[in-house]
Amino acid sequence: MANKLSWDSPYMNHTAYILDHMAELNLEPNELLTLLLIEFYNSQGIIFGDEMMAEKLRISEDDVEEIFESLSDKGFLTIEFKNGDIYFNIAGVMEADAKGEKLSRSLIEEFEMEFKRTLSPNEMSRIMELGDIYGEKRVLIALDEASVRDIRNINYVETILTAWKNKNLSDEDLDEGKR
């Protein structure tokens, strides 16, 4: 039986893995570049931080922080301390893929835009579950319904979806405005 690939295996080419799986990872261009730079610096043993990343990516340090936060929220990046230095661990890239989790970028982005903030990993997971159960289109319609009522809350979106299910409303009913 073949051994399962491991991020920490000496034969594992992290750069090739990231590039090969970038479609499933649903990364923005700067997120992809950031992951690749982190991998390069880690493989070379180069200590780096926000300032160095900002210089290389030609963006502000605030933008670098936002990218780090986004990658962390997606479970792709953890920041650790090793031997007194900060270490950027991107093993989560493979872990998320191994779990078969594919972030529905459009669904997650819609919630983030509506909530006007970055979602937590738990919120993203819950939204993906709602998408799996009810379908992305239906979840987006429920998000719109909650927004019209000015209630930006995942629990409320789920309440709407449950109510529609209990009323046996079809997608066509919802498209026609029946609630």
N, C-alpha and C. Protein backbone atom coordinates (compact mmCIF):
# COMPACT_ATOMS: atom_id res chain seq x y z
N MET A 1 0.84 -1.17 0.00
CA MET A 1 0.00 0.00 0.00
C MET A 1 0.89 1.24 0.00
N ALA A 2 0.57 2.21 -0.82
CA ALA A 2 1.36 3.43 -0.91
C ALA A 2 1.12 4.30 0.31
N ASN A 3 2.17 4.96 0.76
CA ASN A 3 2.04 5.86 1.89
C ASN A 3 1.36 7.14 1.44
N LYS A 4 0.58 7.70 2.34
CA LYS A 4 -0.08 8.96 2.07
C LYS A 4 0.97 10.08 2.09
N LEU A 5 0.84 11.03 1.19
CA LEU A 5 1.76 12.16 1.17
C LEU A 5 1.68 12.92 2.49
N SER A 6 2.81 13.39 2.94
CA SER A 6 2.88 14.19 4.16
C SER A 6 3.62 15.48 3.84
N TRP A 7 3.11 16.59 4.36
CA TRP A 7 3.73 17.89 4.14
C TRP A 7 5.18 17.90 4.63
N ASP A 8 5.45 17.19 5.71
CA ASP A 8 6.78 17.21 6.32
C ASP A 8 7.73 16.16 5.74
N SER A 9 7.28 15.40 4.77
CA SER A 9 8.16 14.40 4.16
C SER A 9 9.31 15.09 3.43
N PRO A 10 10.52 14.53 3.51
CA PRO A 10 11.67 15.18 2.87
C PRO A 10 11.54 15.24 1.35
N TYR A 11 10.75 14.38 0.76
CA TYR A 11 10.60 14.35 -0.69
C TYR A 11 9.44 15.22 -1.19
N MET A 12 8.73 15.86 -0.27
CA MET A 12 7.56 16.65 -0.63
C MET A 12 7.99 18.00 -1.19
N ASN A 13 7.57 18.31 -2.42
CA ASN A 13 7.87 19.60 -3.05
C ASN A 13 6.67 20.52 -2.79
N HIS A 14 6.81 21.38 -1.78
CA HIS A 14 5.70 22.25 -1.37
C HIS A 14 5.28 23.21 -2.47
N THR A 15 6.24 23.78 -3.15
CA THR A 15 5.91 24.73 -4.22
C THR A 15 5.10 24.05 -5.31
N ALA A 16 5.52 22.87 -5.73
CA ALA A 16 4.79 22.13 -6.76
C ALA A 16 3.39 21.78 -6.27
N TYR A 17 3.27 21.42 -5.00
CA TYR A 17 1.97 21.07 -4.44
C TYR A 17 1.03 22.28 -4.50
N ILE A 18 1.51 23.43 -4.05
CA ILE A 18 0.69 24.65 -4.04
C ILE A 18 0.25 25.00 -5.46
N LEU A 19 1.19 24.98 -6.40
CA LEU A 19 0.86 25.33 -7.78
C LEU A 19 -0.10 24.30 -8.40
N ASP A 20 0.09 23.03 -8.08
CA ASP A 20 -0.77 21.98 -8.63
C ASP A 20 -2.19 22.05 -8.09
N HIS A 21 -2.35 22.56 -6.86
CA HIS A 21 -3.66 22.58 -6.21
C HIS A 21 -4.26 23.99 -6.10
N MET A 22 -3.69 24.96 -6.80
CA MET A 22 -4.15 26.33 -6.60
C MET A 22 -5.61 26.54 -6.98
N ALA A 23 -6.14 25.80 -7.92
CA ALA A 23 -7.55 25.97 -8.29
C ALA A 23 -8.45 25.55 -7.14
N GLU A 24 -8.11 24.42 -6.48
CA GLU A 24 -8.93 23.95 -5.36
C GLU A 24 -8.77 24.83 -4.13
N LEU A 25 -7.63 25.48 -4.00
CA LEU A 25 -7.36 26.30 -2.82
C LEU A 25 -8.09 27.64 -2.87
N ASN A 26 -8.55 28.04 -4.04
CA ASN A 26 -9.30 29.28 -4.20
C ASN A 26 -8.58 30.48 -3.60
N LEU A 27 -7.36 30.68 -4.03
CA LEU A 27 -6.55 31.77 -3.52
C LEU A 27 -6.63 33.00 -4.43
N GLU A 28 -6.62 34.16 -3.81
CA GLU A 28 -6.46 35.40 -4.55
C GLU A 28 -5.00 35.46 -5.01
N PRO A 29 -4.69 36.20 -6.07
CA PRO A 29 -3.31 36.24 -6.57
C PRO A 29 -2.28 36.61 -5.50
N ASN A 30 -2.56 37.62 -4.68
CA ASN A 30 -1.59 38.00 -3.65
C ASN A 30 -1.47 36.95 -2.55
N GLU A 31 -2.55 36.20 -2.31
CA GLU A 31 -2.48 35.11 -1.34
C GLU A 31 -1.57 34.00 -1.87
N LEU A 32 -1.72 33.68 -3.15
CA LEU A 32 -0.88 32.66 -3.77
C LEU A 32 0.58 33.08 -3.72
N LEU A 33 0.87 34.31 -4.12
CA LEU A 33 2.25 34.80 -4.10
C LEU A 33 2.81 34.78 -2.67
N THR A 34 1.98 35.15 -1.72
CA THR A 34 2.43 35.15 -0.32
C THR A 34 2.77 33.74 0.14
N LEU A 35 1.90 32.77 -0.18
CA LEU A 35 2.20 31.38 0.18
C LEU A 35 3.51 30.91 -0.45
N LEU A 36 3.69 31.24 -1.71
CA LEU A 36 4.91 30.82 -2.41
C LEU A 36 6.15 31.50 -1.82
N LEU A 37 6.03 32.77 -1.44
CA LEU A 37 7.16 33.45 -0.80
C LEU A 37 7.46 32.85 0.56
N ILE A 38 6.40 32.56 1.33
CA ILE A 38 6.61 31.93 2.64
C ILE A 38 7.33 30.60 2.46
N GLU A 39 6.89 29.81 1.50
CA GLU A 39 7.53 28.52 1.24
C GLU A 39 9.00 28.71 0.86
N PHE A 40 9.26 29.67 -0.01
CA PHE A 40 10.65 29.93 -0.42
C PHE A 40 11.50 30.32 0.79
N TYR A 41 11.02 31.29 1.57
CA TYR A 41 11.79 31.74 2.74
C TYR A 41 11.99 30.60 3.74
N ASN A 42 10.93 29.82 3.99
CA ASN A 42 11.06 28.69 4.92
C ASN A 42 12.09 27.68 4.42
N SER A 43 12.04 27.36 3.13
CA SER A 43 12.96 26.36 2.59
C SER A 43 14.41 26.83 2.61
N GLN A 44 14.61 28.14 2.57
CA GLN A 44 15.96 28.70 2.58
C GLN A 44 16.42 29.07 4.00
N GLY A 45 15.52 28.91 4.98
CA GLY A 45 15.86 29.27 6.35
C GLY A 45 15.98 30.76 6.57
N ILE A 46 15.29 31.55 5.75
CA ILE A 46 15.35 33.00 5.84
C ILE A 46 14.28 33.48 6.82
N ILE A 47 14.70 34.27 7.80
CA ILE A 47 13.77 34.86 8.75
C ILE A 47 13.17 36.10 8.09
N PHE A 48 11.86 36.22 8.13
CA PHE A 48 11.20 37.35 7.46
C PHE A 48 10.01 37.81 8.30
N GLY A 49 9.49 38.95 7.91
CA GLY A 49 8.32 39.50 8.58
C GLY A 49 7.50 40.32 7.61
N ASP A 50 6.58 41.09 8.18
CA ASP A 50 5.66 41.89 7.37
C ASP A 50 6.40 42.85 6.44
N GLU A 51 7.42 43.51 6.97
CA GLU A 51 8.14 44.53 6.19
C GLU A 51 8.79 43.92 4.95
N MET A 52 9.44 42.78 5.14
CA MET A 52 10.12 42.13 4.02
C MET A 52 9.09 41.64 2.99
N MET A 53 7.97 41.08 3.47
CA MET A 53 6.92 40.60 2.56
C MET A 53 6.32 41.77 1.78
N ALA A 54 6.08 42.88 2.47
CA ALA A 54 5.51 44.06 1.82
C ALA A 54 6.43 44.57 0.72
N GLU A 55 7.71 44.57 1.00
CA GLU A 55 8.69 45.04 0.02
C GLU A 55 8.70 44.12 -1.22
N LYS A 56 8.71 42.81 -0.98
CA LYS A 56 8.75 41.86 -2.10
C LYS A 56 7.46 41.89 -2.92
N LEU A 57 6.31 42.00 -2.24
CA LEU A 57 5.03 41.99 -2.94
C LEU A 57 4.63 43.38 -3.46
N ARG A 58 5.38 44.39 -3.04
CA ARG A 58 5.10 45.78 -3.42
C ARG A 58 3.70 46.22 -3.01
N ILE A 59 3.39 45.88 -1.75
CA ILE A 59 2.13 46.30 -1.14
C ILE A 59 2.45 46.82 0.26
N SER A 60 1.45 47.38 0.93
CA SER A 60 1.68 47.92 2.27
C SER A 60 1.75 46.80 3.31
N GLU A 61 2.34 47.12 4.45
CA GLU A 61 2.39 46.14 5.54
C GLU A 61 0.99 45.81 6.03
N ASP A 62 0.08 46.76 5.98
CA ASP A 62 -1.31 46.50 6.36
C ASP A 62 -1.93 45.47 5.42
N ASP A 63 -1.63 45.58 4.14
CA ASP A 63 -2.14 44.61 3.16
C ASP A 63 -1.55 43.22 3.43
N VAL A 64 -0.28 43.18 3.81
CA VAL A 64 0.36 41.90 4.15
C VAL A 64 -0.37 41.28 5.35
N GLU A 65 -0.66 42.09 6.35
CA GLU A 65 -1.38 41.61 7.53
C GLU A 65 -2.75 41.04 7.15
N GLU A 66 -3.44 41.73 6.24
CA GLU A 66 -4.75 41.25 5.78
C GLU A 66 -4.62 39.90 5.07
N ILE A 67 -3.57 39.75 4.27
CA ILE A 67 -3.34 38.48 3.58
C ILE A 67 -3.04 37.38 4.59
N PHE A 68 -2.18 37.69 5.57
CA PHE A 68 -1.88 36.70 6.62
C PHE A 68 -3.16 36.29 7.34
N GLU A 69 -3.99 37.26 7.66
CA GLU A 69 -5.24 36.98 8.35
C GLU A 69 -6.16 36.11 7.50
N SER A 70 -6.25 36.43 6.22
CA SER A 70 -7.08 35.65 5.32
C SER A 70 -6.59 34.21 5.20
N LEU A 71 -5.28 34.05 5.04
CA LEU A 71 -4.70 32.70 4.94
C LEU A 71 -4.90 31.93 6.24
N SER A 72 -4.80 32.63 7.35
CA SER A 72 -5.02 32.01 8.65
C SER A 72 -6.48 31.59 8.81
N ASP A 73 -7.40 32.46 8.41
CA ASP A 73 -8.83 32.16 8.49
C ASP A 73 -9.19 30.95 7.65
N LYS A 74 -8.49 30.77 6.54
CA LYS A 74 -8.75 29.62 5.66
C LYS A 74 -8.09 28.35 6.19
N GLY A 75 -7.29 28.49 7.24
CA GLY A 75 -6.61 27.34 7.81
C GLY A 75 -5.30 26.99 7.12
N PHE A 76 -4.82 27.87 6.25
CA PHE A 76 -3.61 27.60 5.48
C PHE A 76 -2.33 28.05 6.20
N LEU A 77 -2.45 28.95 7.16
CA LEU A 77 -1.28 29.55 7.79
C LEU A 77 -1.45 29.59 9.30
N THR A 78 -0.41 29.15 9.99
CA THR A 78 -0.32 29.37 11.43
C THR A 78 1.03 30.00 11.70
N ILE A 79 1.05 30.88 12.66
CA ILE A 79 2.29 31.56 13.01
C ILE A 79 2.74 30.99 14.36
N GLU A 80 3.98 30.47 14.38
CA GLU A 80 4.50 29.79 15.56
C GLU A 80 5.84 30.40 15.95
N PHE A 81 6.28 30.09 17.16
CA PHE A 81 7.61 30.49 17.60
C PHE A 81 8.48 29.25 17.66
N LYS A 82 9.64 29.31 16.99
CA LYS A 82 10.61 28.23 17.01
C LYS A 82 11.99 28.83 17.29
N ASN A 83 12.63 28.34 18.31
CA ASN A 83 13.97 28.80 18.67
C ASN A 83 14.05 30.32 18.79
N GLY A 84 13.03 30.92 19.34
CA GLY A 84 13.02 32.36 19.55
C GLY A 84 12.67 33.18 18.33
N ASP A 85 12.39 32.53 17.20
CA ASP A 85 12.03 33.25 15.98
C ASP A 85 10.59 32.94 15.59
N ILE A 86 9.99 33.82 14.82
CA ILE A 86 8.65 33.59 14.29
C ILE A 86 8.77 32.65 13.10
N TYR A 87 7.90 31.64 13.07
CA TYR A 87 7.88 30.68 11.96
C TYR A 87 6.49 30.67 11.36
N PHE A 88 6.42 30.80 10.06
CA PHE A 88 5.16 30.79 9.33
C PHE A 88 4.93 29.38 8.79
N ASN A 89 3.99 28.67 9.38
CA ASN A 89 3.71 27.28 9.02
C ASN A 89 2.55 27.24 8.04
N ILE A 90 2.80 26.69 6.84
CA ILE A 90 1.75 26.62 5.82
C ILE A 90 1.32 25.18 5.53
N ALA A 91 1.57 24.29 6.48
CA ALA A 91 1.17 22.89 6.31
C ALA A 91 -0.35 22.76 6.17
N GLY A 92 -1.09 23.75 6.66
CA GLY A 92 -2.54 23.73 6.55
C GLY A 92 -3.04 23.69 5.12
N VAL A 93 -2.20 24.09 4.18
CA VAL A 93 -2.56 24.03 2.76
C VAL A 93 -2.91 22.59 2.38
N MET A 94 -2.09 21.67 2.81
CA MET A 94 -2.31 20.27 2.48
C MET A 94 -3.40 19.66 3.35
N GLU A 95 -3.47 20.07 4.60
CA GLU A 95 -4.48 19.53 5.51
C GLU A 95 -5.89 19.85 5.03
N ALA A 96 -6.11 21.09 4.60
CA ALA A 96 -7.44 21.47 4.11
C ALA A 96 -7.80 20.68 2.87
N ASP A 97 -6.82 20.48 1.99
CA ASP A 97 -7.06 19.71 0.77
C ASP A 97 -7.32 18.24 1.10
N ALA A 98 -6.60 17.70 2.10
CA ALA A 98 -6.76 16.29 2.48
C ALA A 98 -8.13 16.03 3.06
N LYS A 99 -8.71 17.02 3.74
CA LYS A 99 -10.05 16.87 4.31
C LYS A 99 -11.11 16.98 3.22
N GLY A 100 -10.70 17.36 2.03
CA GLY A 100 -11.65 17.51 0.95
C GLY A 100 -12.44 18.80 1.04
N GLU A 101 -11.97 19.73 1.86
CA GLU A 101 -12.67 20.99 2.01
C GLU A 101 -12.29 21.92 0.87
N LYS A 102 -13.28 22.32 0.16
CA LYS A 102 -13.05 23.30 -0.89
C LYS A 102 -13.88 24.52 -0.54
N LEU A 103 -13.21 25.60 -0.26
CA LEU A 103 -13.95 26.80 0.09
C LEU A 103 -14.72 27.29 -1.12
N SER A 104 -15.98 27.50 -0.91
CA SER A 104 -16.76 28.08 -1.99
C SER A 104 -16.50 29.57 -1.94
N ARG A 105 -15.59 30.00 -2.72
CA ARG A 105 -15.13 31.38 -2.67
C ARG A 105 -16.28 32.35 -2.84
N SER A 106 -17.16 32.10 -3.78
CA SER A 106 -18.23 33.06 -4.01
C SER A 106 -19.16 33.13 -2.80
N LEU A 107 -19.46 32.02 -2.19
CA LEU A 107 -20.35 32.00 -1.04
C LEU A 107 -19.69 32.68 0.16
N ILE A 108 -18.45 32.33 0.44
CA ILE A 108 -17.72 32.94 1.55
C ILE A 108 -17.56 34.45 1.32
N GLU A 109 -17.19 34.82 0.11
CA GLU A 109 -17.02 36.25 -0.21
C GLU A 109 -18.31 37.02 -0.02
N GLU A 110 -19.43 36.43 -0.41
CA GLU A 110 -20.72 37.11 -0.25
C GLU A 110 -21.00 37.39 1.21
N PHE A 111 -20.75 36.41 2.08
CA PHE A 111 -20.98 36.61 3.51
C PHE A 111 -20.03 37.66 4.06
N GLU A 112 -18.76 37.60 3.67
CA GLU A 112 -17.79 38.58 4.16
C GLU A 112 -18.16 39.99 3.71
N MET A 113 -18.59 40.12 2.47
CA MET A 113 -18.99 41.44 1.97
C MET A 113 -20.21 41.94 2.72
N GLU A 114 -21.17 41.05 2.96
CA GLU A 114 -22.39 41.45 3.65
C GLU A 114 -22.14 41.76 5.12
N PHE A 115 -21.30 40.96 5.77
CA PHE A 115 -20.99 41.15 7.19
C PHE A 115 -19.94 42.24 7.40
N LYS A 116 -19.28 42.65 6.31
CA LYS A 116 -18.24 43.68 6.33
C LYS A 116 -17.09 43.34 7.28
N ARG A 117 -16.70 42.05 7.25
CA ARG A 117 -15.58 41.59 8.06
C ARG A 117 -15.12 40.22 7.55
N THR A 118 -13.92 39.83 7.98
CA THR A 118 -13.41 38.51 7.65
C THR A 118 -14.10 37.49 8.55
N LEU A 119 -14.52 36.39 7.97
CA LEU A 119 -15.19 35.35 8.74
C LEU A 119 -14.18 34.48 9.47
N SER A 120 -14.60 33.93 10.57
CA SER A 120 -13.74 32.99 11.31
C SER A 120 -13.77 31.64 10.61
N PRO A 121 -12.79 30.78 10.88
CA PRO A 121 -12.81 29.43 10.28
C PRO A 121 -14.10 28.67 10.62
N ASN A 122 -14.59 28.82 11.85
CA ASN A 122 -15.83 28.14 12.23
C ASN A 122 -17.02 28.66 11.41
N GLU A 123 -17.06 29.97 11.20
CA GLU A 123 -18.14 30.54 10.39
C GLU A 123 -18.06 30.05 8.95
N MET A 124 -16.84 30.00 8.41
CA MET A 124 -16.68 29.51 7.04
C MET A 124 -17.14 28.06 6.93
N SER A 125 -16.76 27.27 7.90
CA SER A 125 -17.15 25.86 7.90
C SER A 125 -18.67 25.72 7.97
N ARG A 126 -19.27 26.51 8.82
CA ARG A 126 -20.74 26.45 8.97
C ARG A 126 -21.43 26.88 7.68
N ILE A 127 -20.93 27.91 7.04
CA ILE A 127 -21.52 28.38 5.79
C ILE A 127 -21.37 27.31 4.71
N MET A 128 -20.20 26.65 4.66
CA MET A 128 -20.01 25.58 3.68
C MET A 128 -20.98 24.43 3.94
N GLU A 129 -21.22 24.12 5.23
CA GLU A 129 -22.18 23.07 5.57
C GLU A 129 -23.58 23.46 5.10
N LEU A 130 -23.95 24.72 5.32
CA LEU A 130 -25.26 25.19 4.85
C LEU A 130 -25.34 25.06 3.33
N GLY A 131 -24.25 25.41 2.65
CA GLY A 131 -24.22 25.28 1.20
C GLY A 131 -24.38 23.84 0.74
N ASP A 132 -23.76 22.92 1.48
CA ASP A 132 -23.88 21.49 1.15
C ASP A 132 -25.30 20.99 1.40
N ILE A 133 -25.91 21.44 2.48
CA ILE A 133 -27.25 20.97 2.85
C ILE A 133 -28.33 21.57 1.95
N TYR A 134 -28.28 22.89 1.78
CA TYR A 134 -29.37 23.59 1.09
C TYR A 134 -29.05 24.02 -0.33
N GLY A 135 -27.77 24.05 -0.68
CA GLY A 135 -27.36 24.55 -1.99
C GLY A 135 -26.93 26.01 -1.87
N GLU A 136 -25.87 26.34 -2.62
CA GLU A 136 -25.32 27.69 -2.53
C GLU A 136 -26.33 28.76 -2.94
N LYS A 137 -27.08 28.50 -3.99
CA LYS A 137 -28.04 29.49 -4.47
C LYS A 137 -29.05 29.83 -3.38
N ARG A 138 -29.56 28.81 -2.72
CA ARG A 138 -30.57 29.00 -1.67
C ARG A 138 -29.97 29.77 -0.48
N VAL A 139 -28.72 29.44 -0.13
CA VAL A 139 -28.06 30.13 0.98
C VAL A 139 -27.88 31.61 0.65
N LEU A 140 -27.51 31.90 -0.59
CA LEU A 140 -27.35 33.30 -1.00
C LEU A 140 -28.68 34.05 -0.97
N ILE A 141 -29.75 33.39 -1.36
CA ILE A 141 -31.08 34.03 -1.30
C ILE A 141 -31.44 34.30 0.16
N ALA A 142 -31.13 33.35 1.05
CA ALA A 142 -31.40 33.55 2.48
C ALA A 142 -30.55 34.68 3.05
N LEU A 143 -29.31 34.78 2.60
CA LEU A 143 -28.44 35.88 3.04
C LEU A 143 -29.04 37.21 2.60
N ASP A 144 -29.53 37.28 1.36
CA ASP A 144 -30.17 38.50 0.88
C ASP A 144 -31.41 38.83 1.73
N GLU A 145 -32.19 37.81 2.05
CA GLU A 145 -33.39 38.00 2.87
C GLU A 145 -33.02 38.56 4.25
N ALA A 146 -31.98 37.99 4.85
CA ALA A 146 -31.53 38.46 6.16
C ALA A 146 -31.01 39.90 6.07
N SER A 147 -30.33 40.22 4.98
CA SER A 147 -29.78 41.56 4.79
C SER A 147 -30.88 42.60 4.64
N VAL A 148 -31.94 42.23 3.94
CA VAL A 148 -33.07 43.14 3.77
C VAL A 148 -33.66 43.50 5.14
N ARG A 149 -33.65 42.52 6.03
CA ARG A 149 -34.18 42.73 7.38
C ARG A 149 -33.11 43.30 8.31
N ASP A 150 -31.92 43.56 7.77
CA ASP A 150 -30.80 44.12 8.52
C ASP A 150 -30.38 43.23 9.69
N ILE A 151 -30.44 41.91 9.47
CA ILE A 151 -30.00 40.94 10.47
C ILE A 151 -28.88 40.12 9.84
N ARG A 152 -27.66 40.54 10.10
CA ARG A 152 -26.50 39.89 9.50
C ARG A 152 -25.92 38.89 10.50
N ASN A 153 -26.50 37.69 10.46
CA ASN A 153 -26.17 36.67 11.44
C ASN A 153 -26.37 35.30 10.80
N ILE A 154 -25.39 34.43 10.94
CA ILE A 154 -25.47 33.11 10.32
C ILE A 154 -26.62 32.31 10.91
N ASN A 155 -26.87 32.47 12.21
CA ASN A 155 -28.00 31.75 12.83
C ASN A 155 -29.32 32.15 12.17
N TYR A 156 -29.46 33.43 11.87
CA TYR A 156 -30.70 33.90 11.25
C TYR A 156 -30.82 33.37 9.83
N VAL A 157 -29.72 33.34 9.11
CA VAL A 157 -29.74 32.77 7.75
C VAL A 157 -30.18 31.31 7.82
N GLU A 158 -29.66 30.58 8.78
CA GLU A 158 -30.04 29.17 8.94
C GLU A 158 -31.52 29.03 9.31
N THR A 159 -32.02 29.94 10.13
CA THR A 159 -33.45 29.93 10.49
C THR A 159 -34.32 30.12 9.26
N ILE A 160 -33.92 31.02 8.39
CA ILE A 160 -34.66 31.25 7.14
C ILE A 160 -34.66 29.98 6.30
N LEU A 161 -33.48 29.37 6.16
CA LEU A 161 -33.37 28.16 5.34
C LEU A 161 -34.23 27.03 5.91
N THR A 162 -34.24 26.88 7.21
CA THR A 162 -35.05 25.84 7.86
C THR A 162 -36.53 26.11 7.64
N ALA A 163 -36.94 27.37 7.75
CA ALA A 163 -38.35 27.72 7.53
C ALA A 163 -38.76 27.39 6.10
N TRP A 164 -37.92 27.70 5.14
CA TRP A 164 -38.24 27.40 3.74
C TRP A 164 -38.34 25.89 3.52
N LYS A 165 -37.46 25.16 4.17
CA LYS A 165 -37.50 23.70 4.04
C LYS A 165 -38.81 23.16 4.63
N ASN A 166 -39.19 23.68 5.80
CA ASN A 166 -40.43 23.24 6.45
C ASN A 166 -41.67 23.58 5.62
N LYS A 167 -41.59 24.65 4.84
CA LYS A 167 -42.70 25.05 3.96
C LYS A 167 -42.64 24.34 2.61
N ASN A 168 -41.60 23.51 2.42
CA ASN A 168 -41.41 22.79 1.15
C ASN A 168 -41.31 23.72 -0.05
N LEU A 169 -40.66 24.85 0.14
CA LEU A 169 -40.49 25.80 -0.96
C LEU A 169 -39.38 25.32 -1.89
N SER A 170 -39.67 25.31 -3.18
CA SER A 170 -38.68 24.91 -4.17
C SER A 170 -37.84 26.12 -4.57
N ASP A 171 -36.77 25.87 -5.32
CA ASP A 171 -35.96 26.97 -5.83
C ASP A 171 -36.80 27.88 -6.74
N GLU A 172 -37.70 27.25 -7.49
CA GLU A 172 -38.57 28.04 -8.37
C GLU A 172 -39.48 28.95 -7.55
N ASP A 173 -39.99 28.43 -6.43
CA ASP A 173 -40.83 29.27 -5.53
C ASP A 173 -40.04 30.48 -5.05
N LEU A 174 -38.81 30.24 -4.66
CA LEU A 174 -37.97 31.33 -4.16
C LEU A 174 -37.65 32.32 -5.26
N ASP A 175 -37.39 31.81 -6.48
CA ASP A 175 -37.13 32.70 -7.61
C ASP A 175 -38.33 33.58 -7.91
N GLU A 176 -39.52 33.05 -7.68
CA GLU A 176 -40.76 33.79 -7.92
C GLU A 176 -41.12 34.70 -6.77
N GLY A 177 -40.30 34.70 -5.70
CA GLY A 177 -40.53 35.59 -4.58
C GLY A 177 -41.43 35.02 -3.50
N LYS A 178 -41.83 33.77 -3.62
CA LYS A 178 -42.66 33.15 -2.59
C LYS A 178 -41.80 32.88 -1.38
N ARG A 179 -42.31 33.26 -0.22
CA ARG A 179 -41.57 33.03 1.02
C ARG A 179 -42.52 32.47 2.05
